[in-house]
């Protein structure tokens, strides 16, 4: 390993903080030169962090479910600085590090005011997001989990659209209020077990009667974060008002914290309650898939359409997590990773045409395949990945979730599968109106195709979407042993049920 093993996770969090400090002291009498230097430092910092993420992935041992790259230092009392990754969290760390340089490049020209503060906010946010996925102390996790609200609140409130204040307050209040109950649950678990270590809490046997209340407290936070229906209403407003980079990180990483929370806390720490409330998850997820897909179908704002589609895709994730079988959980994790890349790419596509025409209204476009050929191909590819076309990343995760759900309930599978059909309807309808048709508007005809910078932004996203679709084992193998260990330890009855269908995953290369 190039960066070493002992303190790699701390270095990944420290690098953005150091980058922020350097940016803070950049001064030049020429504002353009100062902004260029700020952007360069931010890009270099995120690239260094990404290379450390690749080093983490390369050094990760797929054959064990134990936490790796562990760092532990006692702080005060029972609270410790405790970091580590397993097969469930390592890929989310890599996803975060992968998207950040792309976001910085995407903001290179579109952000012209308070560039220094903008880049600092993103770098601080990156450190906090990596902290969420690596924290193995429950109080440390809570600090990182809640800390991410502040830079995202600022990104929406300062650099957002016309209604940015309303959207930023709505985002902040929804997510903060949901997390208050989680804090109460965290405090109870600490006083009951006498430890803040997440691995120890995962093995602690909480009383069955208490588990239900603890589960609902965690659910209040994670459901808002994903978000699940009906607490999803903050998401379309936040996406529409957020700058392009903010939308990419919001959809690409922040939404995944809810699903990660279910996997790290609800399932292993509260298994009986997770089984007891699975019906609630399935009901809300099915409603989300069908209802928000229908809402997406009638949207006239491109960003709102993609935002509602995110809620529908997260419905597949929550179904997969609470199936308690291998295909369901691995499909849910894969869907989160795929959605992080695909939804981020779609918001970047919206940003490209918004920077040229300064509108997100679908009816203002049409015929982009004529004068923006490279853009058209790129947009169509990401749209098809969102739909779940075989050979793209979107297919693998949804296939595994539906496969796992069929062994659980054919009705759940049938209702969830309607989301695939509706997803094809609203995305292909968007493609037809945006990319094809007559090019009859002069300002649209004058729009240039992708610049070199924009091609550099989309090239890695295209490569990852195809890589995940053609060779999914690269991403399934690291998580497999950890998922199996989770099921065998906490859901032994359900895993025997899941074992009968696990061989079917050979269809997607397993």
Protein backbone atom coordinates (compact mmCIF):
# COMPACT_ATOMS: atom_id res chain seq x y z
CA UNK A 1 0.00 0.00 0.00
CA UNK A 2 1.33 3.40 -1.01
CA UNK A 3 -0.12 5.42 1.90
CA UNK A 4 0.35 2.74 4.56
CA UNK A 5 -2.29 0.97 6.62
CA UNK A 6 -2.10 2.31 10.16
CA UNK A 7 -3.61 5.78 9.75
CA UNK A 8 -5.10 5.73 6.27
CA UNK A 9 -8.67 6.50 7.35
CA UNK A 10 -7.52 9.44 9.46
CA UNK A 11 -5.44 10.72 6.55
CA UNK A 12 -8.48 10.54 4.27
CA UNK A 13 -10.38 12.79 6.67
CA UNK A 14 -7.41 15.00 7.46
CA UNK A 15 -6.54 15.77 3.82
CA UNK A 16 -9.73 17.80 3.13
CA UNK A 17 -9.32 19.63 6.45
CA UNK A 18 -5.73 20.59 5.55
CA UNK A 19 -6.91 21.63 2.10
CA UNK A 20 -9.56 23.86 3.70
CA UNK A 21 -6.95 25.48 5.94
CA UNK A 22 -4.67 26.17 2.96
CA UNK A 23 -7.57 27.70 1.00
CA UNK A 24 -8.44 29.90 3.97
CA UNK A 25 -5.05 31.62 3.75
CA UNK A 26 -4.90 32.05 -0.03
CA UNK A 27 -4.76 35.75 -0.86
CA UNK A 28 -4.15 37.67 -4.10
CA UNK A 29 -4.96 41.18 -5.20
CA UNK A 30 -6.40 39.80 -8.44
CA UNK A 31 -9.70 38.03 -7.60
CA UNK A 32 -9.54 35.82 -10.70
CA UNK A 33 -6.09 34.51 -9.81
CA UNK A 34 -7.17 33.96 -6.21
CA UNK A 35 -10.23 31.99 -7.30
CA UNK A 36 -8.17 29.92 -9.71
CA UNK A 37 -5.71 29.05 -6.95
CA UNK A 38 -8.56 28.15 -4.60
CA UNK A 39 -10.12 25.84 -7.18
CA UNK A 40 -6.76 24.21 -7.91
CA UNK A 41 -6.05 23.49 -4.24
CA UNK A 42 -9.54 22.04 -3.78
CA UNK A 43 -9.15 19.80 -6.83
CA UNK A 44 -5.69 18.63 -5.80
CA UNK A 45 -6.93 17.87 -2.27
CA UNK A 46 -9.89 15.80 -3.47
CA UNK A 47 -7.69 13.92 -5.95
CA UNK A 48 -5.24 13.03 -3.17
CA UNK A 49 -8.16 11.79 -1.06
CA UNK A 50 -9.44 9.74 -3.99
CA UNK A 51 -6.05 8.11 -4.51
CA UNK A 52 -6.03 7.24 -0.82
CA UNK A 53 -9.48 5.70 -1.36
CA UNK A 54 -8.10 3.57 -4.18
CA UNK A 55 -5.27 2.51 -1.88
CA UNK A 56 -7.86 1.57 0.75
CA UNK A 57 -9.78 -0.53 -1.78
CA UNK A 58 -6.63 -2.21 -3.08
CA UNK A 59 -5.50 -3.15 0.43
CA UNK A 60 -8.92 -4.36 1.59
CA UNK A 61 -9.15 -8.10 2.36
CA UNK A 62 -12.36 -9.49 0.84
CA UNK A 63 -12.09 -12.80 2.69
CA UNK A 64 -12.94 -11.53 6.18
CA UNK A 65 -15.90 -9.80 7.79
CA UNK A 66 -13.71 -8.21 10.46
CA UNK A 67 -13.23 -4.44 10.54
CA UNK A 68 -9.98 -3.44 8.83
CA UNK A 69 -7.68 -0.39 8.92
CA UNK A 70 -8.75 0.02 12.54
CA UNK A 71 -7.63 3.05 14.56
CA UNK A 72 -8.64 3.45 18.19
CA UNK A 73 -7.67 6.09 20.74
CA UNK A 74 -9.50 6.75 24.00
CA UNK A 75 -10.75 10.32 24.20
CA UNK A 76 -12.68 10.91 27.42
CA UNK A 77 -14.80 8.56 29.47
CA UNK A 78 -16.00 5.66 27.35
CA UNK A 79 -16.00 7.69 24.11
CA UNK A 80 -13.13 6.88 21.76
CA UNK A 81 -11.75 7.94 18.40
CA UNK A 82 -12.50 4.59 16.78
CA UNK A 83 -12.34 4.10 13.00
CA UNK A 84 -12.50 1.09 10.69
CA UNK A 85 -14.17 -0.28 7.58
CA UNK A 86 -15.75 -3.57 6.59
CA UNK A 87 -17.18 -4.80 3.29
CA UNK A 88 -20.33 -2.73 3.76
CA UNK A 89 -18.67 0.61 4.47
CA UNK A 90 -15.48 0.52 2.36
CA UNK A 91 -17.34 1.05 -0.92
CA UNK A 92 -19.23 4.06 0.43
CA UNK A 93 -15.92 5.65 1.42
CA UNK A 94 -14.66 5.06 -2.12
CA UNK A 95 -17.89 6.48 -3.61
CA UNK A 96 -17.48 9.67 -1.56
CA UNK A 97 -13.84 10.10 -2.57
CA UNK A 98 -14.68 9.38 -6.23
CA UNK A 99 -17.44 11.98 -6.55
CA UNK A 100 -15.66 14.89 -4.85
CA UNK A 101 -13.07 15.74 -7.57
CA UNK A 102 -15.88 15.54 -10.14
CA UNK A 103 -17.94 18.01 -8.12
CA UNK A 104 -15.02 20.44 -7.88
CA UNK A 105 -14.48 20.27 -11.65
CA UNK A 106 -18.20 20.73 -12.27
CA UNK A 107 -18.18 23.89 -10.13
CA UNK A 108 -15.10 25.35 -11.85
CA UNK A 109 -16.96 27.93 -13.92
CA UNK A 110 -20.52 27.87 -12.58
CA UNK A 111 -19.56 29.17 -9.11
CA UNK A 112 -18.24 32.72 -9.36
CA UNK A 113 -19.12 34.23 -5.99
CA UNK A 114 -17.55 33.32 -2.64
CA UNK A 115 -15.49 30.64 -4.33
CA UNK A 116 -13.23 30.24 -1.30
CA UNK A 117 -16.12 29.59 1.09
CA UNK A 118 -17.77 27.24 -1.42
CA UNK A 119 -14.68 25.03 -1.74
CA UNK A 120 -14.09 25.02 2.03
CA UNK A 121 -17.69 23.91 2.60
CA UNK A 122 -17.26 20.99 0.21
CA UNK A 123 -13.94 19.89 1.67
CA UNK A 124 -15.30 19.98 5.22
CA UNK A 125 -18.35 18.05 4.03
CA UNK A 126 -16.10 15.41 2.46
CA UNK A 127 -14.24 14.87 5.74
CA UNK A 128 -17.51 14.52 7.64
CA UNK A 129 -19.01 12.08 5.11
CA UNK A 130 -15.94 9.84 5.24
CA UNK A 131 -16.22 10.01 9.02
CA UNK A 132 -19.81 8.73 8.91
CA UNK A 133 -18.80 5.60 6.99
CA UNK A 134 -15.69 4.89 9.05
CA UNK A 135 -16.77 5.74 12.63
CA UNK A 136 -16.94 2.73 14.96
CA UNK A 137 -17.88 4.72 18.06
CA UNK A 138 -21.58 5.51 18.20
CA UNK A 139 -21.11 9.05 19.54
CA UNK A 140 -18.40 9.76 16.97
CA UNK A 141 -20.79 8.52 14.29
CA UNK A 142 -23.52 10.84 15.56
CA UNK A 143 -21.18 13.85 15.48
CA UNK A 144 -20.18 13.15 11.87
CA UNK A 145 -23.77 12.27 10.89
CA UNK A 146 -25.16 15.54 12.19
CA UNK A 147 -22.11 17.64 11.33
CA UNK A 148 -22.71 17.11 7.62
CA UNK A 149 -25.93 19.11 7.89
CA UNK A 150 -24.07 22.37 8.39
CA UNK A 151 -21.97 22.59 5.18
CA UNK A 152 -24.86 21.27 3.06
CA UNK A 153 -27.21 23.79 4.65
CA UNK A 154 -24.75 26.55 3.72
CA UNK A 155 -24.27 25.21 0.18
CA UNK A 156 -28.01 25.35 -0.46
CA UNK A 157 -28.66 28.57 1.46
CA UNK A 158 -25.77 30.63 0.03
CA UNK A 159 -25.24 29.28 -3.50
CA UNK A 160 -28.72 27.97 -4.24
CA UNK A 161 -31.59 29.29 -6.34
CA UNK A 162 -34.28 31.89 -5.74
CA UNK A 163 -36.02 29.97 -2.93
CA UNK A 164 -32.78 28.73 -1.39
CA UNK A 165 -33.54 29.99 2.15
CA UNK A 166 -36.81 28.08 2.33
CA UNK A 167 -35.23 24.92 0.90
CA UNK A 168 -32.19 25.06 3.19
CA UNK A 169 -34.28 25.54 6.34
CA UNK A 170 -36.63 22.74 5.31
CA UNK A 171 -33.67 20.42 4.69
CA UNK A 172 -32.06 21.33 8.00
CA UNK A 173 -35.19 21.05 10.15
CA UNK A 174 -36.37 17.74 8.67
CA UNK A 175 -33.04 16.02 9.11
CA UNK A 176 -32.25 17.57 12.49
CA UNK A 177 -35.62 16.75 14.07
CA UNK A 178 -35.36 13.17 12.85
CA UNK A 179 -31.96 12.84 14.49
CA UNK A 180 -33.08 14.07 17.93
CA UNK A 181 -34.84 10.76 18.56
CA UNK A 182 -31.74 8.90 17.39
CA UNK A 183 -29.68 10.76 20.00
CA UNK A 184 -32.10 9.63 22.72
CA UNK A 185 -31.72 6.03 21.49
CA UNK A 186 -27.92 6.35 21.40
CA UNK A 187 -27.84 7.59 25.00
CA UNK A 188 -30.10 4.76 26.16
CA UNK A 189 -27.96 2.15 24.40
CA UNK A 190 -24.83 3.55 26.03
CA UNK A 191 -26.27 3.55 29.56
CA UNK A 192 -27.75 0.10 29.04
CA UNK A 193 -24.65 -1.57 27.55
CA UNK A 194 -21.89 0.52 29.14
CA UNK A 195 -20.05 0.91 25.82
CA UNK A 196 -20.02 3.23 22.81
CA UNK A 197 -18.17 0.79 20.54
CA UNK A 198 -20.32 -0.07 17.52
CA UNK A 199 -18.86 -3.61 17.10
CA UNK A 200 -19.68 -4.36 20.75
CA UNK A 201 -23.18 -2.88 20.43
CA UNK A 202 -23.77 -5.02 17.33
CA UNK A 203 -23.31 -8.10 19.54
CA UNK A 204 -25.22 -6.77 22.58
CA UNK A 205 -28.57 -8.42 23.26
CA UNK A 206 -31.05 -5.61 23.92
CA UNK A 207 -34.36 -6.54 25.50
CA UNK A 208 -36.99 -7.36 22.87
CA UNK A 209 -39.56 -4.94 24.33
CA UNK A 210 -37.06 -2.07 24.28
CA UNK A 211 -35.84 -2.89 20.76
CA UNK A 212 -39.07 -1.66 19.19
CA UNK A 213 -38.69 1.83 20.70
CA UNK A 214 -35.01 2.00 19.82
CA UNK A 215 -35.75 0.85 16.27
CA UNK A 216 -38.41 3.53 15.79
CA UNK A 217 -36.02 6.19 17.09
CA UNK A 218 -33.34 5.19 14.58
CA UNK A 219 -35.99 4.85 11.88
CA UNK A 220 -37.08 8.46 12.40
CA UNK A 221 -33.57 9.64 11.49
CA UNK A 222 -32.66 7.20 8.73
CA UNK A 223 -36.05 7.43 6.99
CA UNK A 224 -35.73 11.21 6.70
CA UNK A 225 -32.15 10.94 5.51
CA UNK A 226 -32.88 8.50 2.65
CA UNK A 227 -35.63 9.90 2.35
CA UNK A 228 -38.61 7.52 2.57
CA UNK A 229 -42.21 8.41 1.82
CA UNK A 230 -43.90 10.42 3.36
CA UNK A 231 -40.94 12.35 4.88
CA UNK A 232 -39.41 12.90 1.44
CA UNK A 233 -40.85 16.33 0.68
CA UNK A 234 -37.67 18.21 1.61
CA UNK A 235 -35.69 16.47 -1.13
CA UNK A 236 -37.24 17.96 -4.33
CA UNK A 237 -37.00 21.48 -2.87
CA UNK A 238 -33.39 20.94 -1.79
CA UNK A 239 -32.38 19.55 -5.18
CA UNK A 240 -34.09 22.26 -7.20
CA UNK A 241 -32.53 25.07 -5.16
CA UNK A 242 -29.08 23.53 -4.58
CA UNK A 243 -26.18 24.32 -6.92
CA UNK A 244 -25.24 21.48 -9.26
CA UNK A 245 -22.40 20.28 -7.03
CA UNK A 246 -24.68 20.27 -4.00
CA UNK A 247 -27.27 18.16 -5.84
CA UNK A 248 -24.59 15.66 -6.88
CA UNK A 249 -23.34 15.11 -3.32
CA UNK A 250 -26.84 15.21 -1.84
CA UNK A 251 -28.06 12.44 -4.16
CA UNK A 252 -24.75 10.65 -4.51
CA UNK A 253 -23.66 10.35 -0.87
CA UNK A 254 -25.89 11.99 1.75
CA UNK A 255 -28.97 9.94 0.86
CA UNK A 256 -26.92 6.76 1.28
CA UNK A 257 -26.32 7.52 4.96
CA UNK A 258 -29.88 6.43 5.77
CA UNK A 259 -29.44 3.04 4.11
CA UNK A 260 -26.02 2.65 5.70
CA UNK A 261 -27.56 3.45 9.09
CA UNK A 262 -30.14 0.68 8.69
CA UNK A 263 -27.35 -1.78 7.84
CA UNK A 264 -24.98 -0.67 10.60
CA UNK A 265 -27.45 -0.09 13.44
CA UNK A 266 -31.03 -1.30 12.89
CA UNK A 267 -30.32 -4.79 11.55
CA UNK A 268 -27.39 -5.95 13.72
CA UNK A 269 -28.29 -4.15 16.96
CA UNK A 270 -32.08 -4.52 16.81
CA UNK A 271 -32.74 -7.69 14.78
CA UNK A 272 -36.04 -8.72 16.38
CA UNK A 273 -37.50 -5.23 15.92
CA UNK A 274 -36.22 -5.14 12.34
CA UNK A 275 -38.17 -8.30 11.57
CA UNK A 276 -41.21 -7.00 13.45
CA UNK A 277 -41.33 -3.72 11.51
CA UNK A 278 -40.35 -5.10 8.08
CA UNK A 279 -44.00 -4.85 7.02
CA UNK A 280 -43.85 -1.09 7.65
CA UNK A 281 -40.71 -0.76 5.52
CA UNK A 282 -42.24 -2.77 2.67
CA UNK A 283 -45.46 -0.75 2.74
CA UNK A 284 -43.74 2.65 2.71
CA UNK A 285 -41.24 1.48 0.09
CA UNK A 286 -43.92 0.22 -2.31
CA UNK A 287 -45.86 3.47 -1.93
CA UNK A 288 -42.66 5.42 -2.57
CA UNK A 289 -41.79 3.43 -5.69
CA UNK A 290 -45.22 3.77 -7.29
CA UNK A 291 -46.34 7.18 -6.05
CA UNK A 292 -43.11 9.13 -6.61
CA UNK A 293 -42.65 7.51 -10.02
CA UNK A 294 -46.08 8.79 -11.03
CA UNK A 295 -45.21 12.23 -9.64
CA UNK A 296 -41.95 12.18 -11.62
CA UNK A 297 -43.89 11.40 -14.77
CA UNK A 298 -45.71 14.77 -14.69
CA UNK A 299 -42.79 17.02 -13.70
CA UNK A 300 -41.79 19.92 -15.94
CA UNK A 301 -38.56 20.72 -14.06
CA UNK A 302 -35.73 18.34 -14.92
CA UNK A 303 -34.17 18.48 -11.46
CA UNK A 304 -37.49 17.76 -9.76
CA UNK A 305 -38.03 14.76 -12.00
CA UNK A 306 -34.63 13.29 -11.09
CA UNK A 307 -35.23 14.10 -7.41
CA UNK A 308 -38.49 12.15 -7.34
CA UNK A 309 -36.83 9.30 -9.20
CA UNK A 310 -34.26 9.17 -6.36
CA UNK A 311 -37.04 8.57 -3.83
CA UNK A 312 -38.34 5.72 -5.99
CA UNK A 313 -34.88 4.14 -6.28
CA UNK A 314 -34.38 4.39 -2.52
CA UNK A 315 -37.59 2.37 -2.20
CA UNK A 316 -35.76 -0.55 -3.83
CA UNK A 317 -32.93 -0.06 -1.34
CA UNK A 318 -35.13 -0.25 1.76
CA UNK A 319 -36.97 -3.30 0.41
CA UNK A 320 -33.66 -5.06 -0.23
CA UNK A 321 -32.25 -4.27 3.21
CA UNK A 322 -35.26 -5.69 5.08
CA UNK A 323 -35.56 -8.89 3.05
CA UNK A 324 -32.91 -10.39 5.36
CA UNK A 325 -31.34 -12.45 2.59
CA UNK A 326 -28.08 -12.21 0.68
CA UNK A 327 -29.44 -11.11 -2.67
CA UNK A 328 -31.68 -8.46 -1.10
CA UNK A 329 -29.01 -6.78 1.01
CA UNK A 330 -26.24 -7.01 -1.61
CA UNK A 331 -28.69 -5.68 -4.20
CA UNK A 332 -29.59 -2.79 -1.89
CA UNK A 333 -25.93 -1.86 -1.36
CA UNK A 334 -25.19 -2.17 -5.08
CA UNK A 335 -28.25 -0.03 -5.90
CA UNK A 336 -27.02 2.67 -3.52
CA UNK A 337 -23.59 2.68 -5.16
CA UNK A 338 -25.08 2.73 -8.66
CA UNK A 339 -27.58 5.43 -7.78
CA UNK A 340 -24.80 7.51 -6.30
CA UNK A 341 -22.97 7.52 -9.62
CA UNK A 342 -25.97 7.64 -12.00
CA UNK A 343 -28.04 10.26 -10.16
CA UNK A 344 -24.94 12.39 -9.68
CA UNK A 345 -24.23 12.12 -13.40
CA UNK A 346 -27.82 13.07 -14.29
CA UNK A 347 -27.67 16.18 -12.10
CA UNK A 348 -24.38 17.09 -13.79
CA UNK A 349 -26.12 16.69 -17.16
CA UNK A 350 -28.79 19.12 -15.99
CA UNK A 351 -26.07 21.52 -14.86
CA UNK A 352 -24.47 21.49 -18.32
CA UNK A 353 -27.57 22.73 -20.14
CA UNK A 354 -28.60 25.01 -17.27
CA UNK A 355 -25.26 26.83 -17.50
CA UNK A 356 -25.99 27.46 -21.19
CA UNK A 357 -29.68 28.39 -21.13
CA UNK A 358 -30.34 29.13 -17.42
CA UNK A 359 -33.57 27.17 -17.25
CA UNK A 360 -34.52 23.67 -16.14
CA UNK A 361 -37.91 23.69 -17.83
CA UNK A 362 -38.16 20.61 -20.04
CA UNK A 363 -40.36 22.32 -22.64
CA UNK A 364 -37.61 24.88 -23.35
CA UNK A 365 -35.39 22.19 -24.87
CA UNK A 366 -35.70 19.60 -27.60
CA UNK A 367 -33.57 18.29 -30.45
CA UNK A 368 -30.27 18.37 -28.54
CA UNK A 369 -29.15 15.29 -30.46
CA UNK A 370 -28.68 17.58 -33.47
CA UNK A 371 -26.25 20.14 -32.09
CA UNK A 372 -24.99 18.44 -28.88
CA UNK A 373 -24.26 14.92 -30.06
CA UNK A 374 -21.75 13.91 -27.35
CA UNK A 375 -24.00 15.34 -24.67
CA UNK A 376 -26.99 13.46 -26.10
CA UNK A 377 -25.17 10.11 -26.04
CA UNK A 378 -23.98 10.75 -22.48
CA UNK A 379 -27.43 11.74 -21.22
CA UNK A 380 -29.11 8.76 -22.88
CA UNK A 381 -26.57 6.36 -21.34
CA UNK A 382 -27.16 7.64 -17.81
CA UNK A 383 -30.93 7.63 -18.39
CA UNK A 384 -30.80 3.99 -19.48
CA UNK A 385 -28.65 3.17 -16.45
CA UNK A 386 -31.31 4.81 -14.26
CA UNK A 387 -33.95 2.65 -15.93
CA UNK A 388 -31.87 -0.47 -15.29
CA UNK A 389 -30.73 -1.49 -18.77
CA UNK A 390 -28.68 -4.74 -18.70
CA UNK A 391 -25.00 -3.94 -19.08
CA UNK A 392 -25.27 -0.83 -16.91
CA UNK A 393 -24.90 -0.46 -13.15
CA UNK A 394 -28.62 0.12 -12.62
CA UNK A 395 -29.57 -3.38 -13.74
CA UNK A 396 -27.51 -5.41 -11.28
CA UNK A 397 -28.76 -3.93 -8.02
CA UNK A 398 -32.45 -3.92 -8.96
CA UNK A 399 -32.19 -7.46 -10.35
CA UNK A 400 -30.73 -8.75 -7.09
CA UNK A 401 -33.36 -6.94 -4.99
CA UNK A 402 -36.21 -8.35 -7.10
CA UNK A 403 -34.59 -11.78 -6.99
CA UNK A 404 -34.36 -11.63 -3.20
CA UNK A 405 -37.89 -10.28 -2.85
CA UNK A 406 -39.35 -13.07 -5.00
CA UNK A 407 -38.12 -15.62 -2.45
CA UNK A 408 -39.79 -13.51 0.25
CA UNK A 409 -43.07 -12.50 -1.39
CA UNK A 410 -44.21 -12.57 -5.01
CA UNK A 411 -46.57 -9.66 -4.27
CA UNK A 412 -43.74 -7.43 -3.09
CA UNK A 413 -41.80 -8.38 -6.21
CA UNK A 414 -44.76 -7.61 -8.48
CA UNK A 415 -45.46 -4.21 -6.91
CA UNK A 416 -41.77 -3.25 -6.81
CA UNK A 417 -41.35 -4.28 -10.45
CA UNK A 418 -43.95 -1.71 -11.45
CA UNK A 419 -41.34 0.85 -10.46
CA UNK A 420 -39.05 -0.48 -13.18
CA UNK A 421 -41.80 0.04 -15.76
CA UNK A 422 -42.71 3.49 -14.46
CA UNK A 423 -39.01 4.39 -14.29
CA UNK A 424 -38.66 3.55 -17.97
CA UNK A 425 -41.76 5.64 -18.68
CA UNK A 426 -40.62 8.88 -17.05
CA UNK A 427 -36.95 8.65 -18.05
CA UNK A 428 -37.61 7.75 -21.69
CA UNK A 429 -40.30 10.43 -21.85
CA UNK A 430 -37.70 12.91 -20.58
CA UNK A 431 -35.15 11.71 -23.15
CA UNK A 432 -37.68 12.09 -25.98
CA UNK A 433 -38.57 15.65 -25.00
CA UNK A 434 -35.03 16.76 -24.19
CA UNK A 435 -32.82 14.99 -26.71
CA UNK A 436 -35.04 14.20 -29.67
CA UNK A 437 -37.75 16.07 -31.55
CA UNK A 438 -37.43 19.24 -33.58
CA UNK A 439 -34.63 21.70 -32.90
CA UNK A 440 -36.88 24.74 -33.41
CA UNK A 441 -35.56 27.22 -30.83
CA UNK A 442 -32.73 29.54 -31.83
CA UNK A 443 -31.17 29.77 -28.36
CA UNK A 444 -31.15 25.96 -28.05
CA UNK A 445 -29.61 25.64 -31.51
CA UNK A 446 -26.80 27.96 -30.44
CA UNK A 447 -25.84 25.80 -27.44
CA UNK A 448 -22.35 24.27 -27.89
CA UNK A 449 -21.56 20.63 -27.23
CA UNK A 450 -19.52 19.43 -24.23
CA UNK A 451 -16.27 21.28 -23.58
CA UNK A 452 -13.04 19.47 -22.76
CA UNK A 453 -13.58 20.09 -19.04
CA UNK A 454 -17.09 18.64 -19.23
CA UNK A 455 -15.83 15.59 -21.13
CA UNK A 456 -13.28 15.02 -18.36
CA UNK A 457 -16.10 15.19 -15.83
CA UNK A 458 -18.30 12.62 -17.55
CA UNK A 459 -15.62 10.17 -18.75
CA UNK A 460 -14.99 8.50 -15.34
CA UNK A 461 -18.74 8.39 -14.62
CA UNK A 462 -19.43 6.61 -17.91
CA UNK A 463 -16.58 4.18 -17.25
CA UNK A 464 -17.85 3.31 -13.75
CA UNK A 465 -21.47 2.85 -14.89
CA UNK A 466 -20.36 0.37 -17.58
CA UNK A 467 -17.79 -1.30 -15.31
CA UNK A 468 -20.39 -1.93 -12.60
CA UNK A 469 -22.81 -3.29 -15.17
CA UNK A 470 -20.41 -5.57 -17.04
CA UNK A 471 -18.23 -6.79 -14.15
CA UNK A 472 -20.26 -6.37 -10.92
CA UNK A 473 -18.05 -8.83 -9.01
CA UNK A 474 -15.54 -6.01 -8.44
CA UNK A 475 -18.10 -4.41 -6.14
CA UNK A 476 -20.03 -7.46 -4.92
CA UNK A 477 -17.00 -9.41 -3.71
CA UNK A 478 -15.87 -6.92 -1.02
CA UNK A 479 -19.35 -6.82 0.55
CA UNK A 480 -20.23 -10.52 0.30
CA UNK A 481 -18.49 -11.88 3.40
CA UNK A 482 -19.67 -8.98 5.58
CA UNK A 483 -23.27 -9.41 4.43
CA UNK A 484 -23.10 -13.16 5.05
CA UNK A 485 -21.69 -12.55 8.53
CA UNK A 486 -24.48 -10.05 9.31
CA UNK A 487 -27.15 -12.55 8.29
CA UNK A 488 -25.62 -15.60 9.91
CA UNK A 489 -25.06 -13.78 13.20
CA UNK A 490 -28.36 -11.96 13.56
CA UNK A 491 -30.84 -13.65 11.19
CA UNK A 492 -29.96 -17.37 11.10
CA UNK A 493 -33.50 -18.48 10.19
CA UNK A 494 -33.78 -16.01 7.34
CA UNK A 495 -30.35 -16.88 5.91
CA UNK A 496 -31.32 -20.52 5.46
CA UNK A 497 -34.25 -19.22 3.46
CA UNK A 498 -31.92 -16.97 1.43
CA UNK A 499 -29.45 -19.74 0.70
CA UNK A 500 -31.89 -21.44 -1.62
CA UNK A 501 -31.73 -18.54 -4.08
CA UNK A 502 -28.15 -17.40 -3.75
CA UNK A 503 -26.96 -19.45 -6.71
CA UNK A 504 -29.28 -17.50 -9.00
CA UNK A 505 -26.93 -14.55 -8.69
CA UNK A 506 -24.77 -16.32 -11.26
CA UNK A 507 -27.01 -14.59 -13.78
CA UNK A 508 -25.13 -11.36 -13.06
CA UNK A 509 -21.69 -12.88 -12.84
CA UNK A 510 -21.52 -14.20 -9.27
